[in-house]
Amino acid sequence: MLDLMLRAVLIGIGATALLDLWAQLLRRGFGLPAPNWAMTGRWFGHLARGRARHESIAASEPVANELAIGWIAHYLVGILFALALLAIWGPGWAARPTLAPALIVGWVTVGCGWFILQPGMGAGVASSKRPYANRVRALNIAGHTVFGLGLYASALLIQ
């Protein structure tokens, strides 16, 4: 069990770090804004107080240490997704990683953003209330594809 947890932590951190590198590439190469983890931290901070839905997370009351909370939550969620991968495909997957399960998990996790986080932050389902919603959706899919590739690559590195 401890080995499984350690693998989930390492794979999740590696995949999330690759996603962060991807965001920096998009920011520097194409001028796209990087994710604002403070707003995610604000959402998680309010969630801990029992509030999951906001008209606009930016207009909601700030939470102490929201940027740190956002970054920690970002990496913890990545670890949880890696743990889900290992729980579904078994610890044998980490010993002999294959690409398809990692990509499936990456793509399925898009739904967490589209149906939980974005509506909760006031952006609507799949960012439907935001301008350029289709661009946001495409970037979500691309980012979660990179995350899936990161799950696979990280498992290969630690195998």
N, C-alpha and C. Protein backbone atom coordinates (compact mmCIF):
# COMPACT_ATOMS: atom_id res chain seq x y z
N MET A 1 0.83 -1.21 0.00
CA MET A 1 0.00 0.00 0.00
C MET A 1 0.86 1.26 0.00
N LEU A 2 1.92 1.24 0.82
CA LEU A 2 2.81 2.40 0.88
C LEU A 2 3.49 2.63 -0.47
N ASP A 3 3.88 1.54 -1.14
CA ASP A 3 4.50 1.65 -2.45
C ASP A 3 3.53 2.28 -3.45
N LEU A 4 2.26 1.88 -3.38
CA LEU A 4 1.24 2.44 -4.27
C LEU A 4 1.08 3.94 -4.03
N MET A 5 1.03 4.33 -2.77
CA MET A 5 0.88 5.75 -2.43
C MET A 5 2.10 6.56 -2.89
N LEU A 6 3.28 6.02 -2.66
CA LEU A 6 4.49 6.72 -3.09
C LEU A 6 4.51 6.87 -4.61
N ARG A 7 4.15 5.83 -5.31
CA ARG A 7 4.08 5.92 -6.78
C ARG A 7 3.06 6.96 -7.22
N ALA A 8 1.90 6.99 -6.57
CA ALA A 8 0.87 7.97 -6.91
C ALA A 8 1.39 9.39 -6.68
N VAL A 9 2.08 9.60 -5.58
CA VAL A 9 2.63 10.93 -5.29
C VAL A 9 3.64 11.33 -6.35
N LEU A 10 4.58 10.45 -6.66
CA LEU A 10 5.62 10.78 -7.65
C LEU A 10 5.04 10.97 -9.05
N ILE A 11 4.14 10.08 -9.44
CA ILE A 11 3.54 10.19 -10.77
C ILE A 11 2.67 11.44 -10.85
N GLY A 12 1.88 11.70 -9.82
CA GLY A 12 1.01 12.88 -9.81
C GLY A 12 1.80 14.18 -9.83
N ILE A 13 2.86 14.25 -9.04
CA ILE A 13 3.69 15.46 -9.03
C ILE A 13 4.36 15.64 -10.39
N GLY A 14 4.89 14.57 -10.96
CA GLY A 14 5.54 14.67 -12.26
C GLY A 14 4.59 15.13 -13.35
N ALA A 15 3.40 14.56 -13.38
CA ALA A 15 2.41 14.92 -14.40
C ALA A 15 1.94 16.36 -14.22
N THR A 16 1.74 16.77 -12.98
CA THR A 16 1.30 18.14 -12.71
C THR A 16 2.39 19.14 -13.06
N ALA A 17 3.63 18.79 -12.77
CA ALA A 17 4.75 19.67 -13.12
C ALA A 17 4.85 19.83 -14.65
N LEU A 18 4.63 18.75 -15.39
CA LEU A 18 4.64 18.85 -16.85
C LEU A 18 3.52 19.76 -17.33
N LEU A 19 2.36 19.66 -16.72
CA LEU A 19 1.24 20.55 -17.05
C LEU A 19 1.62 22.00 -16.79
N ASP A 20 2.32 22.26 -15.69
CA ASP A 20 2.76 23.63 -15.38
C ASP A 20 3.78 24.12 -16.41
N LEU A 21 4.67 23.25 -16.84
CA LEU A 21 5.62 23.63 -17.90
C LEU A 21 4.87 23.96 -19.19
N TRP A 22 3.85 23.18 -19.50
CA TRP A 22 3.01 23.43 -20.67
C TRP A 22 2.37 24.82 -20.59
N ALA A 23 1.86 25.16 -19.40
CA ALA A 23 1.23 26.47 -19.21
C ALA A 23 2.25 27.60 -19.42
N GLN A 24 3.47 27.38 -18.99
CA GLN A 24 4.51 28.40 -19.18
C GLN A 24 4.89 28.52 -20.66
N LEU A 25 4.92 27.40 -21.36
CA LEU A 25 5.18 27.43 -22.81
C LEU A 25 4.10 28.23 -23.52
N LEU A 26 2.85 28.00 -23.16
CA LEU A 26 1.74 28.74 -23.78
C LEU A 26 1.82 30.23 -23.44
N ARG A 27 2.21 30.53 -22.22
CA ARG A 27 2.32 31.94 -21.79
C ARG A 27 3.45 32.64 -22.54
N ARG A 28 4.61 32.02 -22.55
CA ARG A 28 5.78 32.66 -23.18
C ARG A 28 5.74 32.61 -24.70
N GLY A 29 5.26 31.51 -25.24
CA GLY A 29 5.28 31.33 -26.68
C GLY A 29 4.10 31.94 -27.41
N PHE A 30 2.95 32.00 -26.72
CA PHE A 30 1.73 32.45 -27.39
C PHE A 30 1.00 33.57 -26.66
N GLY A 31 1.55 34.00 -25.53
CA GLY A 31 0.94 35.10 -24.78
C GLY A 31 -0.35 34.74 -24.07
N LEU A 32 -0.61 33.46 -23.89
CA LEU A 32 -1.82 33.04 -23.18
C LEU A 32 -1.61 33.16 -21.68
N PRO A 33 -2.61 33.60 -20.96
CA PRO A 33 -2.43 33.74 -19.50
C PRO A 33 -2.25 32.38 -18.83
N ALA A 34 -1.38 32.35 -17.84
CA ALA A 34 -1.20 31.14 -17.04
C ALA A 34 -2.38 31.01 -16.08
N PRO A 35 -2.66 29.81 -15.61
CA PRO A 35 -3.75 29.65 -14.64
C PRO A 35 -3.52 30.50 -13.40
N ASN A 36 -4.59 31.05 -12.88
CA ASN A 36 -4.52 31.85 -11.66
C ASN A 36 -4.87 30.94 -10.48
N TRP A 37 -3.86 30.36 -9.87
CA TRP A 37 -4.09 29.40 -8.80
C TRP A 37 -4.63 30.06 -7.55
N ALA A 38 -4.53 31.38 -7.43
CA ALA A 38 -5.13 32.08 -6.29
C ALA A 38 -6.65 31.94 -6.32
N MET A 39 -7.25 32.00 -7.51
CA MET A 39 -8.70 31.86 -7.61
C MET A 39 -9.12 30.43 -7.28
N THR A 40 -8.32 29.47 -7.68
CA THR A 40 -8.60 28.08 -7.30
C THR A 40 -8.47 27.93 -5.79
N GLY A 41 -7.45 28.55 -5.22
CA GLY A 41 -7.30 28.52 -3.77
C GLY A 41 -8.46 29.19 -3.05
N ARG A 42 -8.95 30.27 -3.63
CA ARG A 42 -10.12 30.94 -3.06
C ARG A 42 -11.33 30.01 -3.08
N TRP A 43 -11.52 29.31 -4.22
CA TRP A 43 -12.64 28.38 -4.32
C TRP A 43 -12.52 27.27 -3.28
N PHE A 44 -11.32 26.67 -3.16
CA PHE A 44 -11.12 25.61 -2.17
C PHE A 44 -11.29 26.16 -0.75
N GLY A 45 -10.84 27.38 -0.51
CA GLY A 45 -11.01 28.00 0.80
C GLY A 45 -12.48 28.16 1.17
N HIS A 46 -13.27 28.61 0.21
CA HIS A 46 -14.71 28.73 0.45
C HIS A 46 -15.38 27.36 0.54
N LEU A 47 -14.88 26.40 -0.22
CA LEU A 47 -15.42 25.04 -0.17
C LEU A 47 -15.27 24.47 1.24
N ALA A 48 -14.14 24.74 1.86
CA ALA A 48 -13.91 24.27 3.24
C ALA A 48 -14.90 24.90 4.22
N ARG A 49 -15.45 26.04 3.84
CA ARG A 49 -16.45 26.73 4.68
C ARG A 49 -17.88 26.37 4.27
N GLY A 50 -18.02 25.43 3.32
CA GLY A 50 -19.33 24.97 2.92
C GLY A 50 -19.93 25.65 1.71
N ARG A 51 -19.18 26.51 1.04
CA ARG A 51 -19.71 27.19 -0.15
C ARG A 51 -18.99 26.68 -1.39
N ALA A 52 -19.73 26.04 -2.28
CA ALA A 52 -19.15 25.44 -3.47
C ALA A 52 -19.44 26.22 -4.74
N ARG A 53 -20.39 27.14 -4.70
CA ARG A 53 -20.82 27.84 -5.92
C ARG A 53 -20.73 29.34 -5.72
N HIS A 54 -20.19 29.99 -6.75
CA HIS A 54 -20.02 31.45 -6.73
C HIS A 54 -20.51 32.02 -8.06
N GLU A 55 -21.07 33.21 -8.01
CA GLU A 55 -21.40 33.91 -9.26
C GLU A 55 -20.11 34.29 -9.98
N SER A 56 -19.14 34.75 -9.22
CA SER A 56 -17.82 35.08 -9.75
C SER A 56 -16.82 34.88 -8.62
N ILE A 57 -15.92 33.93 -8.80
CA ILE A 57 -14.94 33.68 -7.75
C ILE A 57 -14.06 34.90 -7.52
N ALA A 58 -13.81 35.67 -8.58
CA ALA A 58 -12.98 36.88 -8.44
C ALA A 58 -13.66 37.91 -7.54
N ALA A 59 -14.99 37.94 -7.54
CA ALA A 59 -15.73 38.90 -6.72
C ALA A 59 -16.02 38.38 -5.32
N SER A 60 -15.74 37.11 -5.08
CA SER A 60 -15.97 36.52 -3.76
C SER A 60 -14.89 36.99 -2.79
N GLU A 61 -15.22 36.91 -1.53
CA GLU A 61 -14.30 37.35 -0.48
C GLU A 61 -12.98 36.59 -0.57
N PRO A 62 -11.86 37.31 -0.56
CA PRO A 62 -10.55 36.62 -0.57
C PRO A 62 -10.40 35.71 0.64
N VAL A 63 -9.55 34.73 0.49
CA VAL A 63 -9.24 33.77 1.54
C VAL A 63 -7.76 33.91 1.88
N ALA A 64 -7.44 33.87 3.15
CA ALA A 64 -6.04 33.96 3.56
C ALA A 64 -5.22 32.86 2.88
N ASN A 65 -4.09 33.23 2.35
CA ASN A 65 -3.15 32.29 1.71
C ASN A 65 -3.74 31.57 0.50
N GLU A 66 -4.63 32.23 -0.22
CA GLU A 66 -5.32 31.57 -1.32
C GLU A 66 -4.39 31.13 -2.44
N LEU A 67 -3.32 31.86 -2.69
CA LEU A 67 -2.38 31.42 -3.73
C LEU A 67 -1.70 30.12 -3.32
N ALA A 68 -1.24 30.05 -2.09
CA ALA A 68 -0.61 28.82 -1.60
C ALA A 68 -1.62 27.67 -1.59
N ILE A 69 -2.84 27.94 -1.16
CA ILE A 69 -3.89 26.91 -1.16
C ILE A 69 -4.12 26.41 -2.58
N GLY A 70 -4.16 27.33 -3.53
CA GLY A 70 -4.39 26.95 -4.92
C GLY A 70 -3.29 26.06 -5.47
N TRP A 71 -2.04 26.42 -5.20
CA TRP A 71 -0.93 25.59 -5.68
C TRP A 71 -0.94 24.21 -5.02
N ILE A 72 -1.18 24.18 -3.72
CA ILE A 72 -1.22 22.90 -3.01
C ILE A 72 -2.37 22.05 -3.55
N ALA A 73 -3.54 22.64 -3.72
CA ALA A 73 -4.69 21.91 -4.24
C ALA A 73 -4.40 21.38 -5.65
N HIS A 74 -3.77 22.19 -6.47
CA HIS A 74 -3.42 21.80 -7.84
C HIS A 74 -2.59 20.51 -7.83
N TYR A 75 -1.58 20.47 -6.97
CA TYR A 75 -0.72 19.28 -6.91
C TYR A 75 -1.42 18.10 -6.22
N LEU A 76 -2.22 18.38 -5.19
CA LEU A 76 -2.95 17.29 -4.54
C LEU A 76 -3.95 16.65 -5.49
N VAL A 77 -4.61 17.45 -6.29
CA VAL A 77 -5.55 16.89 -7.28
C VAL A 77 -4.79 16.04 -8.29
N GLY A 78 -3.62 16.50 -8.74
CA GLY A 78 -2.80 15.70 -9.64
C GLY A 78 -2.43 14.36 -9.03
N ILE A 79 -2.10 14.36 -7.75
CA ILE A 79 -1.77 13.12 -7.04
C ILE A 79 -3.00 12.22 -6.95
N LEU A 80 -4.16 12.80 -6.66
CA LEU A 80 -5.40 12.01 -6.59
C LEU A 80 -5.74 11.37 -7.93
N PHE A 81 -5.53 12.11 -9.01
CA PHE A 81 -5.78 11.54 -10.33
C PHE A 81 -4.81 10.40 -10.63
N ALA A 82 -3.55 10.55 -10.21
CA ALA A 82 -2.58 9.46 -10.38
C ALA A 82 -2.99 8.25 -9.54
N LEU A 83 -3.48 8.50 -8.34
CA LEU A 83 -3.96 7.41 -7.49
C LEU A 83 -5.15 6.71 -8.15
N ALA A 84 -6.04 7.48 -8.77
CA ALA A 84 -7.18 6.89 -9.47
C ALA A 84 -6.70 5.99 -10.61
N LEU A 85 -5.71 6.45 -11.34
CA LEU A 85 -5.13 5.65 -12.42
C LEU A 85 -4.62 4.32 -11.88
N LEU A 86 -3.87 4.37 -10.79
CA LEU A 86 -3.31 3.15 -10.21
C LEU A 86 -4.41 2.27 -9.60
N ALA A 87 -5.45 2.88 -9.07
CA ALA A 87 -6.54 2.09 -8.49
C ALA A 87 -7.33 1.36 -9.58
N ILE A 88 -7.52 2.02 -10.72
CA ILE A 88 -8.31 1.42 -11.80
C ILE A 88 -7.50 0.38 -12.56
N TRP A 89 -6.26 0.73 -12.96
CA TRP A 89 -5.46 -0.19 -13.77
C TRP A 89 -4.54 -1.07 -12.93
N GLY A 90 -4.48 -0.81 -11.66
CA GLY A 90 -3.70 -1.65 -10.75
C GLY A 90 -2.24 -1.25 -10.67
N PRO A 91 -1.59 -1.69 -9.61
CA PRO A 91 -0.18 -1.35 -9.42
C PRO A 91 0.71 -1.90 -10.53
N GLY A 92 0.24 -2.94 -11.20
CA GLY A 92 1.02 -3.48 -12.32
C GLY A 92 1.22 -2.47 -13.43
N TRP A 93 0.27 -1.53 -13.56
CA TRP A 93 0.42 -0.50 -14.60
C TRP A 93 1.68 0.33 -14.34
N ALA A 94 1.93 0.65 -13.08
CA ALA A 94 3.11 1.47 -12.75
C ALA A 94 4.41 0.72 -13.04
N ALA A 95 4.36 -0.61 -12.94
CA ALA A 95 5.55 -1.41 -13.23
C ALA A 95 5.78 -1.53 -14.74
N ARG A 96 4.70 -1.50 -15.51
CA ARG A 96 4.77 -1.59 -16.96
C ARG A 96 3.82 -0.58 -17.58
N PRO A 97 4.14 0.70 -17.49
CA PRO A 97 3.19 1.72 -17.95
C PRO A 97 2.91 1.64 -19.45
N THR A 98 1.66 1.89 -19.79
CA THR A 98 1.26 2.02 -21.19
C THR A 98 0.55 3.36 -21.34
N LEU A 99 0.57 3.86 -22.54
CA LEU A 99 0.07 5.21 -22.79
C LEU A 99 -1.44 5.35 -22.68
N ALA A 100 -2.19 4.39 -23.20
CA ALA A 100 -3.65 4.54 -23.27
C ALA A 100 -4.30 4.82 -21.92
N PRO A 101 -4.03 4.07 -20.86
CA PRO A 101 -4.68 4.38 -19.58
C PRO A 101 -4.36 5.79 -19.06
N ALA A 102 -3.13 6.21 -19.25
CA ALA A 102 -2.74 7.56 -18.80
C ALA A 102 -3.50 8.63 -19.57
N LEU A 103 -3.64 8.46 -20.86
CA LEU A 103 -4.39 9.43 -21.66
C LEU A 103 -5.87 9.40 -21.30
N ILE A 104 -6.42 8.21 -21.07
CA ILE A 104 -7.83 8.11 -20.68
C ILE A 104 -8.08 8.89 -19.39
N VAL A 105 -7.21 8.70 -18.40
CA VAL A 105 -7.37 9.43 -17.14
C VAL A 105 -7.23 10.93 -17.40
N GLY A 106 -6.25 11.33 -18.21
CA GLY A 106 -6.09 12.74 -18.53
C GLY A 106 -7.35 13.33 -19.15
N TRP A 107 -7.93 12.62 -20.09
CA TRP A 107 -9.13 13.14 -20.76
C TRP A 107 -10.36 13.10 -19.87
N VAL A 108 -10.51 12.06 -19.07
CA VAL A 108 -11.67 11.98 -18.18
C VAL A 108 -11.63 13.10 -17.13
N THR A 109 -10.43 13.46 -16.71
CA THR A 109 -10.32 14.51 -15.68
C THR A 109 -10.71 15.89 -16.19
N VAL A 110 -10.82 16.06 -17.49
CA VAL A 110 -11.34 17.32 -18.03
C VAL A 110 -12.72 17.58 -17.44
N GLY A 111 -13.48 16.52 -17.26
CA GLY A 111 -14.83 16.65 -16.71
C GLY A 111 -14.86 17.26 -15.32
N CYS A 112 -13.84 17.03 -14.52
CA CYS A 112 -13.81 17.63 -13.17
C CYS A 112 -13.76 19.15 -13.28
N GLY A 113 -12.98 19.64 -14.20
CA GLY A 113 -12.93 21.09 -14.41
C GLY A 113 -14.22 21.62 -15.01
N TRP A 114 -14.72 20.93 -16.02
CA TRP A 114 -15.91 21.40 -16.73
C TRP A 114 -17.18 21.34 -15.89
N PHE A 115 -17.32 20.31 -15.06
CA PHE A 115 -18.58 20.09 -14.37
C PHE A 115 -18.56 20.37 -12.87
N ILE A 116 -17.37 20.60 -12.31
CA ILE A 116 -17.27 20.91 -10.88
C ILE A 116 -16.61 22.28 -10.67
N LEU A 117 -15.36 22.40 -11.07
CA LEU A 117 -14.59 23.61 -10.76
C LEU A 117 -15.10 24.85 -11.50
N GLN A 118 -15.24 24.78 -12.81
CA GLN A 118 -15.65 25.96 -13.58
C GLN A 118 -17.05 26.44 -13.19
N PRO A 119 -18.04 25.55 -13.08
CA PRO A 119 -19.34 26.05 -12.62
C PRO A 119 -19.27 26.60 -11.19
N GLY A 120 -18.51 25.94 -10.34
CA GLY A 120 -18.39 26.40 -8.96
C GLY A 120 -17.76 27.77 -8.84
N MET A 121 -16.88 28.10 -9.79
CA MET A 121 -16.20 29.39 -9.77
C MET A 121 -16.99 30.47 -10.50
N GLY A 122 -18.12 30.08 -11.11
CA GLY A 122 -18.96 31.06 -11.79
C GLY A 122 -18.74 31.15 -13.29
N ALA A 123 -17.95 30.24 -13.84
CA ALA A 123 -17.67 30.27 -15.27
C ALA A 123 -18.69 29.49 -16.09
N GLY A 124 -19.57 28.77 -15.42
CA GLY A 124 -20.55 27.94 -16.11
C GLY A 124 -19.97 26.58 -16.47
N VAL A 125 -20.85 25.68 -16.89
CA VAL A 125 -20.41 24.35 -17.31
C VAL A 125 -19.49 24.51 -18.52
N ALA A 126 -18.32 23.91 -18.43
CA ALA A 126 -17.32 23.98 -19.51
C ALA A 126 -17.06 25.43 -19.94
N SER A 127 -17.01 26.32 -18.97
CA SER A 127 -16.74 27.74 -19.20
C SER A 127 -17.75 28.41 -20.14
N SER A 128 -18.98 27.92 -20.13
CA SER A 128 -20.01 28.43 -21.05
C SER A 128 -20.33 29.91 -20.82
N LYS A 129 -20.05 30.45 -19.65
CA LYS A 129 -20.33 31.85 -19.36
C LYS A 129 -19.15 32.76 -19.68
N ARG A 130 -18.10 32.21 -20.19
CA ARG A 130 -16.89 33.00 -20.48
C ARG A 130 -16.80 33.33 -21.96
N PRO A 131 -16.23 34.51 -22.25
CA PRO A 131 -15.96 34.77 -23.67
C PRO A 131 -14.91 33.77 -24.15
N TYR A 132 -14.95 33.42 -25.38
CA TYR A 132 -14.01 32.47 -25.97
C TYR A 132 -14.09 31.10 -25.29
N ALA A 133 -15.31 30.67 -24.96
CA ALA A 133 -15.49 29.40 -24.25
C ALA A 133 -14.89 28.23 -25.04
N ASN A 134 -15.02 28.24 -26.36
CA ASN A 134 -14.47 27.14 -27.15
C ASN A 134 -12.95 27.10 -27.07
N ARG A 135 -12.32 28.26 -27.01
CA ARG A 135 -10.86 28.30 -26.86
C ARG A 135 -10.47 27.74 -25.50
N VAL A 136 -11.22 28.11 -24.46
CA VAL A 136 -10.95 27.59 -23.12
C VAL A 136 -11.10 26.08 -23.11
N ARG A 137 -12.15 25.57 -23.74
CA ARG A 137 -12.37 24.13 -23.79
C ARG A 137 -11.23 23.42 -24.52
N ALA A 138 -10.82 23.97 -25.64
CA ALA A 138 -9.71 23.37 -26.39
C ALA A 138 -8.43 23.36 -25.55
N LEU A 139 -8.18 24.46 -24.84
CA LEU A 139 -7.00 24.51 -23.98
C LEU A 139 -7.12 23.53 -22.82
N ASN A 140 -8.33 23.34 -22.29
CA ASN A 140 -8.55 22.34 -21.24
C ASN A 140 -8.21 20.94 -21.75
N ILE A 141 -8.70 20.61 -22.93
CA ILE A 141 -8.43 19.29 -23.51
C ILE A 141 -6.94 19.12 -23.78
N ALA A 142 -6.31 20.15 -24.34
CA ALA A 142 -4.87 20.06 -24.61
C ALA A 142 -4.09 19.91 -23.30
N GLY A 143 -4.45 20.68 -22.30
CA GLY A 143 -3.74 20.61 -21.03
C GLY A 143 -3.89 19.26 -20.36
N HIS A 144 -5.08 18.70 -20.42
CA HIS A 144 -5.29 17.40 -19.79
C HIS A 144 -4.67 16.27 -20.61
N THR A 145 -4.49 16.50 -21.90
CA THR A 145 -3.72 15.56 -22.71
C THR A 145 -2.26 15.58 -22.26
N VAL A 146 -1.73 16.77 -22.06
CA VAL A 146 -0.36 16.91 -21.55
C VAL A 146 -0.25 16.25 -20.17
N PHE A 147 -1.26 16.45 -19.33
CA PHE A 147 -1.26 15.81 -18.01
C PHE A 147 -1.22 14.28 -18.16
N GLY A 148 -2.03 13.74 -19.06
CA GLY A 148 -2.03 12.30 -19.31
C GLY A 148 -0.67 11.82 -19.79
N LEU A 149 -0.05 12.58 -20.71
CA LEU A 149 1.30 12.23 -21.16
C LEU A 149 2.27 12.29 -19.98
N GLY A 150 2.05 13.25 -19.09
CA GLY A 150 2.89 13.37 -17.90
C GLY A 150 2.72 12.19 -16.95
N LEU A 151 1.50 11.67 -16.82
CA LEU A 151 1.28 10.47 -16.01
C LEU A 151 2.12 9.31 -16.57
N TYR A 152 2.05 9.14 -17.87
CA TYR A 152 2.79 8.07 -18.53
C TYR A 152 4.30 8.27 -18.39
N ALA A 153 4.78 9.47 -18.71
CA ALA A 153 6.21 9.75 -18.65
C ALA A 153 6.75 9.61 -17.23
N SER A 154 5.99 10.09 -16.25
CA SER A 154 6.43 10.00 -14.86
C SER A 154 6.50 8.53 -14.41
N ALA A 155 5.53 7.76 -14.82
CA ALA A 155 5.56 6.32 -14.48
C ALA A 155 6.76 5.64 -15.11
N LEU A 156 7.08 6.02 -16.34
CA LEU A 156 8.27 5.45 -16.98
C LEU A 156 9.53 5.83 -16.23
N LEU A 157 9.60 7.07 -15.77
CA LEU A 157 10.80 7.53 -15.05
C LEU A 157 11.01 6.82 -13.73
N ILE A 158 9.94 6.46 -13.03
CA ILE A 158 10.11 5.85 -11.72
C ILE A 158 10.04 4.32 -11.74
N GLN A 159 9.77 3.74 -12.88
CA GLN A 159 9.59 2.28 -12.95
C GLN A 159 10.88 1.54 -12.63
